[in-house]
N, C-alpha and C. Protein backbone atom coordinates (compact mmCIF):
# COMPACT_ATOMS: atom_id res chain seq x y z
N MET A 1 14.59 -10.65 12.48
CA MET A 1 13.52 -11.26 11.73
C MET A 1 12.16 -10.74 12.20
N GLN A 2 12.03 -10.45 13.49
CA GLN A 2 10.75 -9.98 14.00
C GLN A 2 10.41 -8.61 13.43
N ASP A 3 11.41 -7.77 13.21
CA ASP A 3 11.14 -6.45 12.65
C ASP A 3 10.58 -6.54 11.24
N SER A 4 11.06 -7.48 10.44
CA SER A 4 10.58 -7.57 9.07
C SER A 4 9.22 -8.25 8.97
N LEU A 5 8.91 -9.15 9.87
CA LEU A 5 7.62 -9.84 9.82
C LEU A 5 6.61 -9.27 10.80
N GLY A 6 7.07 -8.52 11.77
CA GLY A 6 6.16 -7.95 12.76
C GLY A 6 5.54 -6.68 12.23
N GLY A 7 5.11 -5.86 13.12
CA GLY A 7 4.52 -4.60 12.71
C GLY A 7 3.04 -4.58 12.97
N ASN A 8 2.36 -3.75 12.25
CA ASN A 8 0.94 -3.53 12.49
C ASN A 8 0.11 -4.20 11.40
N ALA A 9 0.34 -5.48 11.16
CA ALA A 9 -0.40 -6.20 10.14
C ALA A 9 -0.44 -7.68 10.47
N LYS A 10 -1.43 -8.34 9.97
CA LYS A 10 -1.48 -9.80 10.08
C LYS A 10 -0.61 -10.36 8.97
N THR A 11 0.10 -11.44 9.25
CA THR A 11 1.01 -12.03 8.28
C THR A 11 0.65 -13.48 8.07
N LEU A 12 0.66 -13.91 6.82
CA LEU A 12 0.38 -15.29 6.46
C LEU A 12 1.58 -15.83 5.71
N MET A 13 2.03 -17.01 6.09
CA MET A 13 3.22 -17.57 5.45
C MET A 13 2.93 -18.99 4.98
N PHE A 14 3.32 -19.29 3.76
CA PHE A 14 3.21 -20.63 3.21
C PHE A 14 4.62 -21.18 3.04
N VAL A 15 4.80 -22.44 3.41
CA VAL A 15 6.11 -23.08 3.26
C VAL A 15 5.94 -24.25 2.30
N ASN A 16 6.69 -24.22 1.23
CA ASN A 16 6.68 -25.33 0.28
C ASN A 16 7.88 -26.22 0.55
N PHE A 17 7.66 -27.51 0.51
CA PHE A 17 8.78 -28.43 0.68
C PHE A 17 8.58 -29.61 -0.25
N SER A 18 9.65 -30.37 -0.44
CA SER A 18 9.65 -31.46 -1.40
C SER A 18 9.90 -32.79 -0.70
N PRO A 19 9.20 -33.83 -1.11
CA PRO A 19 9.46 -35.16 -0.53
C PRO A 19 10.68 -35.85 -1.15
N ALA A 20 11.28 -35.24 -2.16
CA ALA A 20 12.42 -35.86 -2.84
C ALA A 20 13.65 -35.85 -1.94
N ASP A 21 14.47 -36.92 -2.04
CA ASP A 21 15.68 -37.05 -1.22
C ASP A 21 16.69 -35.93 -1.49
N TYR A 22 16.82 -35.54 -2.75
CA TYR A 22 17.83 -34.54 -3.08
C TYR A 22 17.45 -33.14 -2.57
N ASN A 23 16.23 -32.94 -2.08
CA ASN A 23 15.81 -31.65 -1.52
C ASN A 23 15.71 -31.69 0.01
N ALA A 24 16.28 -32.72 0.62
CA ALA A 24 16.14 -32.90 2.07
C ALA A 24 16.71 -31.71 2.84
N ASP A 25 17.87 -31.20 2.46
CA ASP A 25 18.48 -30.07 3.18
C ASP A 25 17.61 -28.81 3.06
N GLU A 26 17.14 -28.55 1.88
CA GLU A 26 16.31 -27.36 1.68
C GLU A 26 14.97 -27.49 2.42
N THR A 27 14.40 -28.69 2.42
CA THR A 27 13.14 -28.91 3.14
C THR A 27 13.33 -28.71 4.63
N THR A 28 14.41 -29.22 5.17
CA THR A 28 14.69 -29.07 6.60
C THR A 28 14.87 -27.60 6.96
N THR A 29 15.62 -26.88 6.13
CA THR A 29 15.84 -25.46 6.37
C THR A 29 14.53 -24.69 6.31
N SER A 30 13.70 -24.99 5.34
CA SER A 30 12.41 -24.30 5.21
C SER A 30 11.52 -24.55 6.42
N LEU A 31 11.47 -25.78 6.90
CA LEU A 31 10.64 -26.11 8.05
C LEU A 31 11.18 -25.47 9.33
N MET A 32 12.50 -25.40 9.48
CA MET A 32 13.08 -24.75 10.65
C MET A 32 12.77 -23.24 10.62
N TYR A 33 12.85 -22.64 9.45
CA TYR A 33 12.53 -21.22 9.32
C TYR A 33 11.05 -20.98 9.67
N ALA A 34 10.17 -21.83 9.17
CA ALA A 34 8.75 -21.69 9.46
C ALA A 34 8.48 -21.84 10.95
N ALA A 35 9.19 -22.75 11.62
CA ALA A 35 9.01 -22.93 13.06
C ALA A 35 9.45 -21.67 13.82
N ARG A 36 10.54 -21.02 13.36
CA ARG A 36 10.99 -19.79 14.01
C ARG A 36 10.00 -18.65 13.77
N VAL A 37 9.47 -18.56 12.56
CA VAL A 37 8.52 -17.50 12.23
C VAL A 37 7.23 -17.67 13.02
N LYS A 38 6.85 -18.90 13.25
CA LYS A 38 5.61 -19.18 13.99
C LYS A 38 5.65 -18.62 15.41
N LYS A 39 6.84 -18.49 15.96
CA LYS A 39 6.98 -17.98 17.33
C LYS A 39 6.86 -16.46 17.42
N ILE A 40 6.91 -15.78 16.28
CA ILE A 40 6.79 -14.32 16.29
C ILE A 40 5.34 -13.94 16.53
N VAL A 41 5.13 -13.06 17.49
CA VAL A 41 3.78 -12.60 17.83
C VAL A 41 3.72 -11.10 17.61
N ASN A 42 2.73 -10.66 16.88
CA ASN A 42 2.51 -9.22 16.73
C ASN A 42 1.03 -8.94 16.93
N ASN A 43 0.74 -7.77 17.44
CA ASN A 43 -0.63 -7.37 17.70
C ASN A 43 -1.01 -6.29 16.69
N ALA A 44 -1.87 -6.65 15.76
CA ALA A 44 -2.33 -5.68 14.78
C ALA A 44 -3.41 -4.81 15.41
N THR A 45 -3.19 -3.51 15.36
CA THR A 45 -4.17 -2.58 15.92
C THR A 45 -4.50 -1.53 14.87
N LYS A 46 -5.72 -1.03 14.94
CA LYS A 46 -6.13 0.03 14.03
C LYS A 46 -5.53 1.33 14.51
N GLN A 47 -4.89 2.05 13.61
CA GLN A 47 -4.26 3.30 13.99
C GLN A 47 -5.32 4.38 14.16
N ALA A 48 -5.06 5.27 15.08
CA ALA A 48 -5.99 6.38 15.34
C ALA A 48 -6.05 7.29 14.12
N GLU A 49 -7.20 7.85 13.90
CA GLU A 49 -7.41 8.73 12.77
C GLU A 49 -6.79 10.09 13.03
N SER A 50 -6.08 10.61 12.08
CA SER A 50 -5.46 11.92 12.25
C SER A 50 -6.51 13.02 12.12
N GLU A 51 -6.15 14.21 12.58
CA GLU A 51 -7.07 15.35 12.48
C GLU A 51 -7.38 15.68 11.02
N GLU A 52 -6.38 15.54 10.17
CA GLU A 52 -6.57 15.84 8.75
C GLU A 52 -7.58 14.89 8.12
N VAL A 53 -7.47 13.61 8.43
CA VAL A 53 -8.41 12.62 7.88
C VAL A 53 -9.81 12.90 8.41
N ALA A 54 -9.94 13.21 9.70
CA ALA A 54 -11.26 13.51 10.28
C ALA A 54 -11.86 14.75 9.62
N ARG A 55 -11.05 15.79 9.35
CA ARG A 55 -11.54 17.01 8.71
C ARG A 55 -12.03 16.72 7.29
N LEU A 56 -11.26 15.90 6.55
CA LEU A 56 -11.65 15.57 5.18
C LEU A 56 -12.92 14.71 5.14
N LYS A 57 -13.05 13.79 6.10
CA LYS A 57 -14.27 12.98 6.16
C LYS A 57 -15.48 13.84 6.47
N ALA A 58 -15.32 14.85 7.32
CA ALA A 58 -16.43 15.76 7.63
C ALA A 58 -16.83 16.54 6.38
N ILE A 59 -15.86 16.98 5.60
CA ILE A 59 -16.16 17.69 4.35
C ILE A 59 -16.91 16.77 3.39
N ILE A 60 -16.49 15.54 3.28
CA ILE A 60 -17.17 14.58 2.40
C ILE A 60 -18.61 14.37 2.84
N ARG A 61 -18.83 14.22 4.16
CA ARG A 61 -20.19 14.03 4.67
C ARG A 61 -21.07 15.24 4.32
N ARG A 62 -20.52 16.45 4.47
CA ARG A 62 -21.29 17.66 4.15
C ARG A 62 -21.61 17.72 2.67
N LEU A 63 -20.66 17.38 1.83
CA LEU A 63 -20.92 17.40 0.39
C LEU A 63 -21.95 16.35 0.00
N GLN A 64 -21.87 15.16 0.60
CA GLN A 64 -22.83 14.11 0.28
C GLN A 64 -24.24 14.47 0.74
N SER A 65 -24.36 15.27 1.80
CA SER A 65 -25.69 15.67 2.26
C SER A 65 -26.21 16.88 1.49
N GLY A 66 -25.42 17.40 0.55
CA GLY A 66 -25.87 18.50 -0.30
C GLY A 66 -25.51 19.87 0.22
N GLN A 67 -24.76 19.97 1.29
CA GLN A 67 -24.37 21.27 1.83
C GLN A 67 -23.21 21.85 1.03
N GLN A 68 -23.12 23.16 1.07
CA GLN A 68 -22.01 23.85 0.41
C GLN A 68 -20.78 23.80 1.31
N VAL A 69 -19.62 23.75 0.70
CA VAL A 69 -18.35 23.78 1.44
C VAL A 69 -17.56 24.97 0.93
N ALA A 70 -17.13 25.82 1.85
CA ALA A 70 -16.36 27.01 1.48
C ALA A 70 -14.95 26.62 1.08
N ALA A 71 -14.36 27.44 0.24
CA ALA A 71 -13.00 27.18 -0.23
C ALA A 71 -12.01 27.18 0.93
N GLU A 72 -12.29 27.99 1.97
CA GLU A 72 -11.39 28.03 3.14
C GLU A 72 -11.38 26.70 3.88
N ASP A 73 -12.52 25.96 3.81
CA ASP A 73 -12.59 24.66 4.48
C ASP A 73 -11.70 23.63 3.80
N ILE A 74 -11.42 23.88 2.54
CA ILE A 74 -10.64 22.91 1.78
C ILE A 74 -9.24 23.48 1.55
N GLU A 75 -8.60 23.95 2.59
CA GLU A 75 -7.27 24.51 2.44
C GLU A 75 -6.30 23.39 2.05
N GLY A 76 -5.37 23.73 1.21
CA GLY A 76 -4.40 22.74 0.76
C GLY A 76 -4.94 21.85 -0.35
N ALA A 77 -6.10 22.19 -0.90
CA ALA A 77 -6.65 21.39 -1.99
C ALA A 77 -5.75 21.50 -3.21
N GLN A 78 -5.63 20.42 -3.92
CA GLN A 78 -4.79 20.40 -5.12
C GLN A 78 -5.55 21.01 -6.29
N PRO A 79 -4.90 21.82 -7.11
CA PRO A 79 -5.56 22.34 -8.31
C PRO A 79 -5.80 21.19 -9.28
N PRO A 80 -6.77 21.32 -10.16
CA PRO A 80 -7.04 20.24 -11.12
C PRO A 80 -5.80 19.96 -11.96
N ALA A 81 -5.57 18.70 -12.22
CA ALA A 81 -4.41 18.29 -13.00
C ALA A 81 -4.59 18.72 -14.45
N GLU A 82 -3.49 19.12 -15.07
CA GLU A 82 -3.54 19.49 -16.47
C GLU A 82 -3.74 18.23 -17.30
N GLU A 83 -4.45 18.38 -18.39
CA GLU A 83 -4.69 17.24 -19.26
C GLU A 83 -3.40 16.87 -19.97
N ASP A 84 -3.25 15.57 -20.24
CA ASP A 84 -2.09 15.06 -20.96
C ASP A 84 -2.18 15.53 -22.40
N PRO A 85 -1.15 16.24 -22.89
CA PRO A 85 -1.22 16.74 -24.25
C PRO A 85 -1.17 15.64 -25.30
N GLY A 86 -0.77 14.44 -24.91
CA GLY A 86 -0.69 13.34 -25.86
C GLY A 86 0.57 13.40 -26.68
N PRO A 87 0.69 12.53 -27.66
CA PRO A 87 1.90 12.52 -28.49
C PRO A 87 1.93 13.72 -29.41
N PRO A 88 3.12 14.07 -29.89
CA PRO A 88 3.22 15.21 -30.80
C PRO A 88 2.43 14.91 -32.09
N PRO A 89 1.93 15.96 -32.76
CA PRO A 89 1.10 15.74 -33.93
C PRO A 89 1.81 15.05 -35.09
N GLU A 90 3.10 15.27 -35.21
CA GLU A 90 3.83 14.60 -36.30
C GLU A 90 5.17 14.12 -35.76
N ASP A 91 5.70 13.09 -36.37
CA ASP A 91 6.96 12.51 -35.93
C ASP A 91 8.10 13.39 -36.41
N ASP A 92 8.80 13.98 -35.43
CA ASP A 92 9.93 14.83 -35.79
C ASP A 92 11.27 14.14 -35.54
N GLY A 93 11.23 12.84 -35.26
CA GLY A 93 12.46 12.08 -35.07
C GLY A 93 12.99 12.11 -33.65
N LYS A 94 12.38 12.90 -32.77
CA LYS A 94 12.83 12.97 -31.39
C LYS A 94 12.17 11.85 -30.58
N VAL A 95 12.84 11.46 -29.51
CA VAL A 95 12.31 10.44 -28.62
C VAL A 95 11.61 11.12 -27.48
N TYR A 96 10.37 10.76 -27.21
CA TYR A 96 9.59 11.34 -26.12
C TYR A 96 9.37 10.27 -25.06
N ASP A 97 9.67 10.59 -23.80
CA ASP A 97 9.46 9.64 -22.70
C ASP A 97 7.95 9.40 -22.53
N GLY A 98 7.59 8.16 -22.33
CA GLY A 98 6.19 7.83 -22.05
C GLY A 98 5.35 7.61 -23.29
N TYR A 99 5.94 7.64 -24.48
CA TYR A 99 5.15 7.44 -25.71
C TYR A 99 5.62 6.20 -26.40
């Protein structure tokens, strides 16, 4: 249970229960589960920035300040995405995914 609720994040849990007699078993189970979860302790920490993220942030800062950025600085840049051609001009009876 600690592996699924732990990790590098803060977790918030709400427990709903019912005052009705016919829900007594479910209410008891929910409260026992909440008591067990309350005992789990995790320390959320900010992960260190990777070299790639630091390099990209430096490029962004240079661009925002008006400096030129060489193409070599942006290695691995993605080419511009092709535009979506849209639906076919006329209905030819075929089924097209996504339309």
